[in-house]
């Protein structure tokens, strides 16, 4: 196995791990939104401004979960492509070795076509990997956008919570949990992007 293939396997595995963590955190945000909605309902007019915020939080969590689910499918495709690339590279290397060993033999020229075909197949797989990496990076950027939006919503939540009287601490705790979760998602996704960006330009 080449170093390139090994690093691709490691990158895809680390992305899957990071995305699993993102999924857990996104579900926590969804739960926080449900708790906030219940608190805001009990608070009535004191948390009137907080009620629509809970809907935004819940929608962001749902969209993030959906995005991560789709990204996991892409990650699986990248894994399969990496396996294909490894197999095609191995086939190309064997054909190339056979062609070198056949140099000077009467049938040597007949080896060129399978060598060229194996090389083309390997290169096609490498190009497909790069294309899929670019698409995956675009989807990861969408998750980053959601994380940034969640942090803005958390900041607005703190402002609204400050006017909620005796419910202030409960609603501020929700705002803090959303902000912390959004920060975690941002960091996890950023690590995915760093792991993949190497292959987009390689």
N, C-alpha and C. Protein backbone atom coordinates (compact mmCIF):
# COMPACT_ATOMS: atom_id res chain seq x y z
N UNK A 1 0.84 -1.19 0.00
CA UNK A 1 0.00 0.00 0.00
C UNK A 1 0.88 1.25 0.00
N UNK A 2 0.59 2.20 -0.90
CA UNK A 2 1.40 3.41 -0.98
C UNK A 2 1.09 4.34 0.19
N UNK A 3 2.02 5.27 0.44
CA UNK A 3 1.80 6.26 1.51
C UNK A 3 0.57 7.11 1.22
N UNK A 4 0.38 7.42 -0.09
CA UNK A 4 -0.78 8.21 -0.50
C UNK A 4 -2.08 7.48 -0.13
N UNK A 5 -2.16 6.20 -0.45
CA UNK A 5 -3.36 5.42 -0.14
C UNK A 5 -3.57 5.32 1.36
N UNK A 6 -2.49 5.08 2.10
CA UNK A 6 -2.59 5.00 3.57
C UNK A 6 -3.15 6.29 4.14
N UNK A 7 -2.62 7.42 3.67
CA UNK A 7 -3.07 8.72 4.20
C UNK A 7 -4.52 8.99 3.82
N UNK A 8 -4.96 8.50 2.64
CA UNK A 8 -6.36 8.66 2.24
C UNK A 8 -7.26 7.84 3.16
N UNK A 9 -6.88 6.60 3.46
CA UNK A 9 -7.65 5.77 4.37
C UNK A 9 -7.77 6.45 5.75
N UNK A 10 -6.64 6.98 6.23
CA UNK A 10 -6.61 7.64 7.54
C UNK A 10 -7.51 8.88 7.53
N UNK A 11 -7.42 9.67 6.44
CA UNK A 11 -8.22 10.89 6.33
C UNK A 11 -9.71 10.56 6.35
N UNK A 12 -10.11 9.57 5.55
CA UNK A 12 -11.53 9.20 5.48
C UNK A 12 -12.02 8.65 6.82
N UNK A 13 -11.18 7.86 7.48
CA UNK A 13 -11.55 7.31 8.80
C UNK A 13 -11.70 8.42 9.83
N UNK A 14 -10.80 9.40 9.80
CA UNK A 14 -10.87 10.49 10.77
C UNK A 14 -12.09 11.37 10.52
N UNK A 15 -12.44 11.55 9.24
CA UNK A 15 -13.63 12.33 8.89
C UNK A 15 -14.88 11.65 9.44
N UNK A 16 -14.97 10.33 9.25
CA UNK A 16 -16.12 9.57 9.76
C UNK A 16 -16.24 9.73 11.26
N UNK A 17 -15.10 9.69 11.96
CA UNK A 17 -15.09 9.84 13.42
C UNK A 17 -15.55 11.24 13.83
N UNK A 18 -15.01 12.26 13.16
CA UNK A 18 -15.38 13.65 13.47
C UNK A 18 -16.86 13.88 13.21
N UNK A 19 -17.38 13.32 12.11
CA UNK A 19 -18.78 13.52 11.74
C UNK A 19 -19.71 12.82 12.72
N UNK A 20 -19.28 11.69 13.27
CA UNK A 20 -20.08 11.01 14.30
C UNK A 20 -20.23 11.91 15.52
N UNK A 21 -19.15 12.59 15.87
CA UNK A 21 -19.19 13.53 17.00
C UNK A 21 -20.10 14.71 16.69
N UNK A 22 -20.04 15.21 15.45
CA UNK A 22 -20.90 16.32 15.03
C UNK A 22 -22.37 15.92 15.13
N UNK A 23 -22.68 14.70 14.72
CA UNK A 23 -24.06 14.20 14.77
C UNK A 23 -24.58 14.19 16.21
N UNK A 24 -23.75 13.73 17.13
CA UNK A 24 -24.12 13.69 18.55
C UNK A 24 -24.42 15.09 19.05
N UNK A 25 -23.54 16.04 18.72
CA UNK A 25 -23.68 17.43 19.18
C UNK A 25 -24.92 18.08 18.56
N UNK A 26 -25.16 17.81 17.28
CA UNK A 26 -26.34 18.37 16.61
C UNK A 26 -27.62 17.86 17.28
N UNK A 27 -27.62 16.61 17.69
CA UNK A 27 -28.78 16.06 18.40
C UNK A 27 -28.94 16.72 19.77
N UNK A 28 -27.82 17.06 20.39
CA UNK A 28 -27.86 17.78 21.68
C UNK A 28 -28.48 19.17 21.49
N UNK A 29 -28.14 19.83 20.37
CA UNK A 29 -28.72 21.14 20.08
C UNK A 29 -30.24 21.01 19.91
N UNK A 30 -30.66 19.97 19.22
CA UNK A 30 -32.09 19.73 19.01
C UNK A 30 -32.80 19.54 20.35
N UNK A 31 -32.17 18.81 21.25
CA UNK A 31 -32.72 18.59 22.59
C UNK A 31 -32.77 19.91 23.37
N UNK A 32 -31.70 20.71 23.25
CA UNK A 32 -31.66 22.02 23.92
C UNK A 32 -32.79 22.91 23.42
N UNK A 33 -33.07 22.84 22.11
CA UNK A 33 -34.15 23.64 21.53
C UNK A 33 -35.49 23.22 22.11
N UNK A 34 -35.70 21.91 22.28
CA UNK A 34 -36.95 21.41 22.85
C UNK A 34 -37.11 21.86 24.30
N UNK A 35 -36.00 21.81 25.06
CA UNK A 35 -36.03 22.27 26.46
C UNK A 35 -36.33 23.77 26.53
N UNK A 36 -35.67 24.53 25.64
CA UNK A 36 -35.87 25.98 25.61
C UNK A 36 -37.32 26.33 25.27
N UNK A 37 -37.89 25.56 24.36
CA UNK A 37 -39.28 25.80 23.95
C UNK A 37 -40.23 25.59 25.14
N UNK A 38 -39.97 24.54 25.91
CA UNK A 38 -40.79 24.26 27.08
C UNK A 38 -40.66 25.37 28.13
N UNK A 39 -39.42 25.83 28.35
CA UNK A 39 -39.18 26.90 29.32
C UNK A 39 -39.85 28.20 28.86
N UNK A 40 -39.67 28.52 27.57
CA UNK A 40 -40.25 29.75 27.01
C UNK A 40 -41.77 29.72 27.09
N UNK A 41 -42.35 28.53 26.91
CA UNK A 41 -43.81 28.39 27.01
C UNK A 41 -44.27 28.68 28.44
N UNK A 42 -43.53 28.14 29.42
CA UNK A 42 -43.87 28.37 30.83
C UNK A 42 -43.69 29.84 31.20
N UNK A 43 -42.67 30.45 30.63
CA UNK A 43 -42.37 31.86 30.96
C UNK A 43 -43.38 32.82 30.36
N UNK A 44 -44.06 32.39 29.31
CA UNK A 44 -45.10 33.24 28.69
C UNK A 44 -44.53 34.52 28.10
N UNK A 45 -45.15 35.65 28.45
CA UNK A 45 -44.74 36.95 27.89
C UNK A 45 -43.31 37.33 28.25
N UNK A 46 -42.82 36.82 29.38
CA UNK A 46 -41.45 37.16 29.81
C UNK A 46 -40.41 36.63 28.82
N UNK A 47 -40.76 35.58 28.09
CA UNK A 47 -39.81 34.99 27.12
C UNK A 47 -40.40 35.00 25.72
N UNK A 48 -41.22 36.00 25.46
CA UNK A 48 -41.88 36.08 24.16
C UNK A 48 -40.88 36.12 23.00
N UNK A 49 -39.81 36.88 23.18
CA UNK A 49 -38.78 37.01 22.14
C UNK A 49 -37.95 35.76 21.99
N UNK A 50 -37.98 34.90 22.98
CA UNK A 50 -37.16 33.69 22.95
C UNK A 50 -37.83 32.57 22.17
N UNK A 51 -39.17 32.61 22.13
CA UNK A 51 -39.91 31.51 21.51
C UNK A 51 -39.55 31.27 20.03
N UNK A 52 -39.52 32.33 19.17
CA UNK A 52 -39.12 32.06 17.77
C UNK A 52 -37.67 31.61 17.64
N UNK A 53 -36.82 32.01 18.58
CA UNK A 53 -35.41 31.60 18.56
C UNK A 53 -35.30 30.08 18.71
N UNK A 54 -36.17 29.50 19.55
CA UNK A 54 -36.12 28.05 19.75
C UNK A 54 -36.43 27.31 18.44
N UNK A 55 -37.34 27.90 17.64
CA UNK A 55 -37.66 27.30 16.34
C UNK A 55 -36.44 27.33 15.42
N UNK A 56 -35.71 28.46 15.44
CA UNK A 56 -34.50 28.59 14.61
C UNK A 56 -33.45 27.57 15.04
N UNK A 57 -33.29 27.43 16.36
CA UNK A 57 -32.29 26.50 16.88
C UNK A 57 -32.63 25.07 16.43
N UNK A 58 -33.90 24.71 16.57
CA UNK A 58 -34.34 23.37 16.21
C UNK A 58 -34.16 23.11 14.71
N UNK A 59 -34.50 24.12 13.89
CA UNK A 59 -34.36 23.99 12.43
C UNK A 59 -32.89 23.82 12.03
N UNK A 60 -32.02 24.61 12.66
CA UNK A 60 -30.58 24.49 12.39
C UNK A 60 -30.07 23.11 12.75
N UNK A 61 -30.52 22.60 13.90
CA UNK A 61 -30.09 21.27 14.34
C UNK A 61 -30.53 20.21 13.34
N UNK A 62 -31.78 20.29 12.90
CA UNK A 62 -32.31 19.31 11.93
C UNK A 62 -31.53 19.37 10.61
N UNK A 63 -31.29 20.59 10.13
CA UNK A 63 -30.56 20.76 8.86
C UNK A 63 -29.12 20.23 8.99
N UNK A 64 -28.51 20.48 10.14
CA UNK A 64 -27.14 19.99 10.38
C UNK A 64 -27.11 18.46 10.37
N UNK A 65 -28.07 17.84 11.04
CA UNK A 65 -28.16 16.38 11.07
C UNK A 65 -28.33 15.83 9.66
N UNK A 66 -29.18 16.49 8.87
CA UNK A 66 -29.41 16.05 7.48
C UNK A 66 -28.14 16.18 6.64
N UNK A 67 -27.46 17.31 6.81
CA UNK A 67 -26.21 17.53 6.07
C UNK A 67 -25.16 16.49 6.44
N UNK A 68 -25.02 16.23 7.73
CA UNK A 68 -24.01 15.27 8.19
C UNK A 68 -24.33 13.87 7.70
N UNK A 69 -25.63 13.53 7.65
CA UNK A 69 -26.04 12.23 7.12
C UNK A 69 -25.60 12.09 5.66
N UNK A 70 -25.81 13.15 4.87
CA UNK A 70 -25.39 13.14 3.46
C UNK A 70 -23.87 13.08 3.34
N UNK A 71 -23.18 13.81 4.20
CA UNK A 71 -21.72 13.83 4.16
C UNK A 71 -21.16 12.45 4.49
N UNK A 72 -21.80 11.76 5.41
CA UNK A 72 -21.36 10.39 5.75
C UNK A 72 -21.44 9.46 4.55
N UNK A 73 -22.46 9.69 3.70
CA UNK A 73 -22.59 8.90 2.46
C UNK A 73 -21.41 9.20 1.54
N UNK A 74 -21.05 10.49 1.42
CA UNK A 74 -19.89 10.88 0.62
C UNK A 74 -18.61 10.26 1.18
N UNK A 75 -18.49 10.24 2.50
CA UNK A 75 -17.30 9.67 3.13
C UNK A 75 -17.17 8.19 2.79
N UNK A 76 -18.31 7.49 2.75
CA UNK A 76 -18.31 6.08 2.37
C UNK A 76 -17.87 5.90 0.92
N UNK A 77 -18.34 6.80 0.05
CA UNK A 77 -17.94 6.78 -1.37
C UNK A 77 -16.43 6.99 -1.49
N UNK A 78 -15.90 7.93 -0.70
CA UNK A 78 -14.45 8.19 -0.71
C UNK A 78 -13.67 6.96 -0.24
N UNK A 79 -14.21 6.28 0.75
CA UNK A 79 -13.55 5.06 1.23
C UNK A 79 -13.48 4.02 0.11
N UNK A 80 -14.62 3.83 -0.57
CA UNK A 80 -14.66 2.84 -1.66
C UNK A 80 -13.73 3.24 -2.80
N UNK A 81 -13.68 4.54 -3.09
CA UNK A 81 -12.77 5.02 -4.14
C UNK A 81 -11.31 4.77 -3.76
N UNK A 82 -11.01 4.95 -2.48
CA UNK A 82 -9.64 4.71 -2.01
C UNK A 82 -9.27 3.23 -2.19
N UNK A 83 -10.23 2.34 -1.88
CA UNK A 83 -10.00 0.89 -2.10
C UNK A 83 -9.79 0.61 -3.58
N UNK A 84 -10.64 1.22 -4.43
CA UNK A 84 -10.51 1.04 -5.89
C UNK A 84 -9.16 1.53 -6.38
N UNK A 85 -8.78 2.72 -5.89
CA UNK A 85 -7.50 3.30 -6.32
C UNK A 85 -6.33 2.40 -5.93
N UNK A 86 -6.40 1.86 -4.72
CA UNK A 86 -5.35 0.95 -4.26
C UNK A 86 -5.25 -0.27 -5.18
N UNK A 87 -6.41 -0.84 -5.52
CA UNK A 87 -6.43 -2.04 -6.38
C UNK A 87 -5.96 -1.72 -7.79
N UNK A 88 -6.39 -0.58 -8.32
CA UNK A 88 -6.00 -0.20 -9.68
C UNK A 88 -4.52 0.16 -9.76
N UNK A 89 -4.03 0.78 -8.72
CA UNK A 89 -2.60 1.12 -8.68
C UNK A 89 -1.76 -0.15 -8.62
N UNK A 90 -2.22 -1.10 -7.82
CA UNK A 90 -1.51 -2.39 -7.72
C UNK A 90 -1.51 -3.10 -9.07
N UNK A 91 -2.65 -3.06 -9.76
CA UNK A 91 -2.74 -3.70 -11.08
C UNK A 91 -1.80 -3.02 -12.08
N UNK A 92 -1.78 -1.68 -12.05
CA UNK A 92 -0.90 -0.93 -12.95
C UNK A 92 0.56 -1.28 -12.70
N UNK A 93 0.94 -1.33 -11.43
CA UNK A 93 2.33 -1.64 -11.07
C UNK A 93 2.74 -3.03 -11.57
N UNK A 94 1.79 -3.98 -11.49
CA UNK A 94 2.09 -5.35 -11.95
C UNK A 94 2.24 -5.39 -13.47
N UNK A 95 1.35 -4.68 -14.16
CA UNK A 95 1.45 -4.64 -15.62
C UNK A 95 2.75 -3.97 -16.06
N UNK A 96 3.10 -2.88 -15.36
CA UNK A 96 4.32 -2.15 -15.71
C UNK A 96 5.56 -3.02 -15.48
N UNK A 97 5.55 -3.76 -14.38
CA UNK A 97 6.66 -4.66 -14.07
C UNK A 97 6.77 -5.76 -15.12
N UNK A 98 5.61 -6.31 -15.51
CA UNK A 98 5.60 -7.37 -16.54
C UNK A 98 6.13 -6.85 -17.87
N UNK A 99 5.76 -5.58 -18.18
CA UNK A 99 6.22 -4.96 -19.44
C UNK A 99 7.74 -4.78 -19.42
N UNK A 100 8.29 -4.37 -18.28
CA UNK A 100 9.73 -4.17 -18.16
C UNK A 100 10.47 -5.51 -18.28
N UNK A 101 9.88 -6.53 -17.68
CA UNK A 101 10.51 -7.86 -17.73
C UNK A 101 10.45 -8.44 -19.15
N UNK A 102 9.48 -7.96 -19.93
CA UNK A 102 9.31 -8.49 -21.29
C UNK A 102 10.10 -7.70 -22.34
N UNK A 103 10.81 -6.66 -21.90
CA UNK A 103 11.57 -5.83 -22.85
C UNK A 103 12.51 -6.71 -23.68
N UNK A 104 12.48 -6.50 -24.99
CA UNK A 104 13.35 -7.25 -25.89
C UNK A 104 12.73 -8.54 -26.39
N UNK A 105 11.64 -8.96 -25.74
CA UNK A 105 10.97 -10.20 -26.17
C UNK A 105 10.10 -9.90 -27.40
N UNK A 106 9.77 -10.93 -28.16
CA UNK A 106 9.01 -10.74 -29.41
C UNK A 106 7.60 -10.21 -29.15
N UNK A 107 7.03 -10.53 -28.00
CA UNK A 107 5.66 -10.10 -27.69
C UNK A 107 5.62 -8.83 -26.82
N UNK A 108 6.76 -8.19 -26.62
CA UNK A 108 6.87 -7.05 -25.70
C UNK A 108 5.88 -5.93 -26.02
N UNK A 109 5.69 -5.63 -27.32
CA UNK A 109 4.81 -4.52 -27.71
C UNK A 109 3.36 -4.77 -27.33
N UNK A 110 2.98 -6.04 -27.26
CA UNK A 110 1.59 -6.37 -26.91
C UNK A 110 1.25 -6.02 -25.46
N UNK A 111 2.28 -5.75 -24.66
CA UNK A 111 2.07 -5.40 -23.26
C UNK A 111 1.66 -3.94 -23.07
N UNK A 112 1.97 -3.11 -24.09
CA UNK A 112 1.76 -1.67 -23.93
C UNK A 112 0.29 -1.29 -23.72
N UNK A 113 -0.59 -1.97 -24.47
CA UNK A 113 -2.03 -1.64 -24.36
C UNK A 113 -2.58 -1.90 -22.96
N UNK A 114 -2.34 -3.09 -22.35
CA UNK A 114 -2.83 -3.30 -20.98
C UNK A 114 -2.18 -2.36 -19.96
N UNK A 115 -0.91 -2.00 -20.19
CA UNK A 115 -0.24 -1.05 -19.28
C UNK A 115 -0.94 0.30 -19.35
N UNK A 116 -1.19 0.77 -20.58
CA UNK A 116 -1.85 2.07 -20.77
C UNK A 116 -3.26 2.05 -20.19
N UNK A 117 -3.96 0.94 -20.39
CA UNK A 117 -5.33 0.82 -19.88
C UNK A 117 -5.35 0.84 -18.35
N UNK A 118 -4.41 0.13 -17.74
CA UNK A 118 -4.33 0.09 -16.28
C UNK A 118 -3.98 1.47 -15.72
N UNK A 119 -3.09 2.18 -16.43
CA UNK A 119 -2.71 3.53 -15.99
C UNK A 119 -3.89 4.47 -16.08
N UNK A 120 -4.64 4.40 -17.19
CA UNK A 120 -5.82 5.24 -17.39
C UNK A 120 -6.86 4.98 -16.30
N UNK A 121 -7.08 3.71 -16.00
CA UNK A 121 -8.05 3.32 -14.97
C UNK A 121 -7.65 3.88 -13.60
N UNK A 122 -6.37 3.81 -13.28
CA UNK A 122 -5.85 4.34 -12.03
C UNK A 122 -6.04 5.85 -11.96
N UNK A 123 -5.71 6.55 -13.05
CA UNK A 123 -5.82 8.01 -13.09
C UNK A 123 -7.28 8.47 -13.03
N UNK A 124 -8.18 7.71 -13.67
CA UNK A 124 -9.61 8.03 -13.61
C UNK A 124 -10.10 7.99 -12.17
N UNK A 125 -9.65 6.99 -11.44
CA UNK A 125 -10.03 6.83 -10.04
C UNK A 125 -9.49 7.99 -9.20
N UNK A 126 -8.26 8.39 -9.46
CA UNK A 126 -7.66 9.51 -8.73
C UNK A 126 -8.41 10.81 -9.00
N UNK A 127 -8.81 11.03 -10.27
CA UNK A 127 -9.57 12.25 -10.62
C UNK A 127 -10.95 12.25 -9.95
N UNK A 128 -11.58 11.06 -9.93
CA UNK A 128 -12.89 10.95 -9.30
C UNK A 128 -12.80 11.25 -7.80
N UNK A 129 -11.73 10.78 -7.17
CA UNK A 129 -11.51 11.04 -5.75
C UNK A 129 -11.42 12.54 -5.50
N UNK A 130 -10.67 13.24 -6.35
CA UNK A 130 -10.53 14.70 -6.20
C UNK A 130 -11.87 15.42 -6.39
N UNK A 131 -12.64 14.96 -7.38
CA UNK A 131 -13.96 15.58 -7.63
C UNK A 131 -14.87 15.40 -6.41
N UNK A 132 -14.87 14.19 -5.85
CA UNK A 132 -15.72 13.91 -4.69
C UNK A 132 -15.24 14.66 -3.45
N UNK A 133 -13.93 14.84 -3.33
CA UNK A 133 -13.38 15.63 -2.22
C UNK A 133 -13.88 17.07 -2.32
N UNK A 134 -13.88 17.64 -3.53
CA UNK A 134 -14.37 19.01 -3.72
C UNK A 134 -15.84 19.14 -3.33
N UNK A 135 -16.64 18.15 -3.71
CA UNK A 135 -18.07 18.16 -3.35
C UNK A 135 -18.25 18.04 -1.84
N UNK A 136 -17.46 17.19 -1.23
CA UNK A 136 -17.55 16.99 0.21
C UNK A 136 -17.14 18.26 0.96
N UNK A 137 -16.11 18.93 0.47
CA UNK A 137 -15.67 20.19 1.09
C UNK A 137 -16.78 21.24 1.02
N UNK A 138 -17.52 21.25 -0.08
CA UNK A 138 -18.65 22.17 -0.22
C UNK A 138 -19.72 21.89 0.82
N UNK A 139 -19.99 20.62 1.06
CA UNK A 139 -21.00 20.25 2.07
C UNK A 139 -20.51 20.56 3.48
N UNK A 140 -19.24 20.37 3.71
CA UNK A 140 -18.67 20.71 5.02
C UNK A 140 -18.76 22.21 5.27
N UNK A 141 -18.59 23.01 4.22
CA UNK A 141 -18.72 24.46 4.35
C UNK A 141 -20.15 24.83 4.76
N UNK A 142 -21.13 24.09 4.26
CA UNK A 142 -22.53 24.34 4.63
C UNK A 142 -22.74 24.07 6.13
N UNK A 143 -22.10 23.01 6.64
CA UNK A 143 -22.20 22.71 8.07
C UNK A 143 -21.54 23.82 8.89
N UNK A 144 -20.39 24.31 8.40
CA UNK A 144 -19.70 25.43 9.06
C UNK A 144 -20.61 26.66 9.12
N UNK A 145 -21.32 26.90 8.03
CA UNK A 145 -22.25 28.04 7.98
C UNK A 145 -23.33 27.88 9.05
N UNK A 146 -23.85 26.67 9.20
CA UNK A 146 -24.86 26.41 10.23
C UNK A 146 -24.29 26.63 11.63
N UNK A 147 -23.04 26.22 11.83
CA UNK A 147 -22.40 26.40 13.14
C UNK A 147 -22.24 27.89 13.45
N UNK A 148 -21.85 28.67 12.44
CA UNK A 148 -21.70 30.12 12.65
C UNK A 148 -23.06 30.76 12.96
N UNK A 149 -24.09 30.31 12.23
CA UNK A 149 -25.44 30.83 12.46
C UNK A 149 -25.92 30.49 13.87
N UNK A 150 -25.59 29.29 14.33
CA UNK A 150 -26.00 28.86 15.68
C UNK A 150 -25.35 29.73 16.75
N UNK A 151 -24.11 30.16 16.50
CA UNK A 151 -23.42 31.02 17.47
C UNK A 151 -24.07 32.41 17.53
N UNK A 152 -24.50 32.89 16.37
CA UNK A 152 -25.21 34.18 16.33
C UNK A 152 -26.54 34.06 17.09
N UNK A 153 -27.25 32.96 16.84
CA UNK A 153 -28.52 32.73 17.53
C UNK A 153 -28.31 32.62 19.04
N UNK A 154 -27.22 31.96 19.44
CA UNK A 154 -26.90 31.83 20.87
C UNK A 154 -26.69 33.21 21.49
N UNK A 155 -26.01 34.10 20.76
CA UNK A 155 -25.78 35.46 21.26
C UNK A 155 -27.11 36.20 21.42
N UNK A 156 -28.00 36.05 20.43
CA UNK A 156 -29.32 36.69 20.52
C UNK A 156 -30.14 36.08 21.66
N UNK A 157 -29.94 34.77 21.87
CA UNK A 157 -30.65 34.07 22.95
C UNK A 157 -30.29 34.66 24.31
N UNK A 158 -29.02 34.99 24.48
CA UNK A 158 -28.57 35.58 25.76
C UNK A 158 -29.28 36.90 26.01
N UNK A 159 -29.42 37.69 24.95
CA UNK A 159 -30.08 39.00 25.08
C UNK A 159 -31.54 38.81 25.48
N UNK A 160 -32.22 37.90 24.79
CA UNK A 160 -33.63 37.64 25.09
C UNK A 160 -33.80 37.03 26.49
N UNK A 161 -32.87 36.18 26.86
CA UNK A 161 -32.94 35.52 28.17
C UNK A 161 -32.83 36.53 29.31
N UNK A 162 -32.07 37.60 29.07
CA UNK A 162 -31.86 38.62 30.12
C UNK A 162 -33.16 39.32 30.51
N UNK A 163 -34.20 39.18 29.69
CA UNK A 163 -35.48 39.84 29.98
C UNK A 163 -36.52 38.84 30.48
N UNK A 164 -36.07 37.63 30.80
CA UNK A 164 -37.03 36.58 31.15
C UNK A 164 -37.25 36.39 32.64
N UNK A 165 -36.85 37.38 33.45
CA UNK A 165 -37.10 37.33 34.89
C UNK A 165 -36.52 36.09 35.54
N UNK A 166 -37.37 35.35 36.28
CA UNK A 166 -36.90 34.17 37.02
C UNK A 166 -36.47 33.02 36.11
N UNK A 167 -36.79 33.15 34.80
CA UNK A 167 -36.40 32.11 33.83
C UNK A 167 -35.05 32.42 33.17
N UNK A 168 -34.46 33.53 33.60
CA UNK A 168 -33.19 34.00 33.00
C UNK A 168 -32.12 32.90 33.00
N UNK A 169 -31.86 32.30 34.15
CA UNK A 169 -30.77 31.31 34.25
C UNK A 169 -31.03 30.08 33.38
N UNK A 170 -32.27 29.63 33.36
CA UNK A 170 -32.60 28.45 32.55
C UNK A 170 -32.39 28.72 31.07
N UNK A 171 -32.82 29.89 30.60
CA UNK A 171 -32.69 30.22 29.19
C UNK A 171 -31.25 30.56 28.81
N UNK A 172 -30.53 31.17 29.76
CA UNK A 172 -29.11 31.44 29.49
C UNK A 172 -28.32 30.14 29.40
N UNK A 173 -28.70 29.14 30.19
CA UNK A 173 -28.04 27.84 30.14
C UNK A 173 -28.26 27.20 28.76
N UNK A 174 -29.45 27.39 28.21
CA UNK A 174 -29.74 26.89 26.86
C UNK A 174 -28.84 27.60 25.84
N UNK A 175 -28.77 28.93 25.96
CA UNK A 175 -27.94 29.72 25.04
C UNK A 175 -26.48 29.27 25.11
N UNK A 176 -25.99 29.03 26.33
CA UNK A 176 -24.61 28.58 26.51
C UNK A 176 -24.38 27.21 25.87
N UNK A 177 -25.36 26.31 26.05
CA UNK A 177 -25.19 24.95 25.50
C UNK A 177 -25.20 24.98 23.98
N UNK A 178 -26.03 25.84 23.39
CA UNK A 178 -26.06 25.98 21.93
C UNK A 178 -24.74 26.55 21.43
N UNK A 179 -24.24 27.58 22.12
CA UNK A 179 -22.97 28.20 21.72
C UNK A 179 -21.81 27.21 21.81
N UNK A 180 -21.79 26.45 22.90
CA UNK A 180 -20.72 25.45 23.09
C UNK A 180 -20.80 24.37 22.02
N UNK A 181 -22.02 23.91 21.74
CA UNK A 181 -22.22 22.87 20.73
C UNK A 181 -21.81 23.36 19.35
N UNK A 182 -22.18 24.60 19.02
CA UNK A 182 -21.83 25.19 17.72
C UNK A 182 -20.31 25.31 17.58
N UNK A 183 -19.66 25.68 18.67
CA UNK A 183 -18.20 25.80 18.66
C UNK A 183 -17.56 24.42 18.42
N UNK A 184 -18.10 23.40 19.07
CA UNK A 184 -17.59 22.03 18.90
C UNK A 184 -17.76 21.56 17.46
N UNK A 185 -18.95 21.81 16.90
CA UNK A 185 -19.21 21.43 15.50
C UNK A 185 -18.24 22.13 14.57
N UNK A 186 -18.04 23.42 14.80
CA UNK A 186 -17.10 24.20 13.98
C UNK A 186 -15.71 23.57 14.00
N UNK A 187 -15.23 23.23 15.19
CA UNK A 187 -13.88 22.67 15.34
C UNK A 187 -13.76 21.30 14.67
N UNK A 188 -14.78 20.46 14.87
CA UNK A 188 -14.76 19.12 14.26
C UNK A 188 -14.77 19.19 12.74
N UNK A 189 -15.62 20.05 12.21
CA UNK A 189 -15.73 20.18 10.75
C UNK A 189 -14.46 20.79 10.18
N UNK A 190 -13.87 21.73 10.91
CA UNK A 190 -12.62 22.34 10.45
C UNK A 190 -11.52 21.28 10.32
N UNK A 191 -11.49 20.34 11.26
CA UNK A 191 -10.49 19.26 11.18
C UNK A 191 -10.75 18.39 9.95
N UNK A 192 -12.02 18.15 9.64
CA UNK A 192 -12.38 17.40 8.42
C UNK A 192 -11.88 18.13 7.18
N UNK A 193 -12.10 19.43 7.15
CA UNK A 193 -11.71 20.24 5.98
C UNK A 193 -10.19 20.22 5.79
N UNK A 194 -9.47 20.32 6.88
CA UNK A 194 -8.00 20.30 6.81
C UNK A 194 -7.52 18.94 6.28
N UNK A 195 -8.15 17.86 6.77
CA UNK A 195 -7.76 16.50 6.34
C UNK A 195 -8.01 16.30 4.85
N UNK A 196 -9.07 16.94 4.33
CA UNK A 196 -9.44 16.73 2.92
C UNK A 196 -8.77 17.70 1.96
N UNK A 197 -8.49 18.92 2.42
CA UNK A 197 -7.99 19.96 1.51
C UNK A 197 -6.69 19.56 0.83
N UNK A 198 -5.92 18.68 1.46
CA UNK A 198 -4.66 18.19 0.88
C UNK A 198 -4.93 17.50 -0.46
N UNK A 199 -6.04 16.76 -0.53
CA UNK A 199 -6.34 15.94 -1.72
C UNK A 199 -7.00 16.72 -2.84
N UNK A 200 -7.61 17.86 -2.50
CA UNK A 200 -8.24 18.67 -3.54
C UNK A 200 -7.19 19.23 -4.48
N UNK A 201 -6.04 19.59 -3.93
CA UNK A 201 -5.01 20.25 -4.74
C UNK A 201 -3.83 19.34 -5.10
N UNK A 202 -3.91 18.07 -4.66
CA UNK A 202 -2.76 17.18 -4.91
C UNK A 202 -2.73 16.69 -6.36
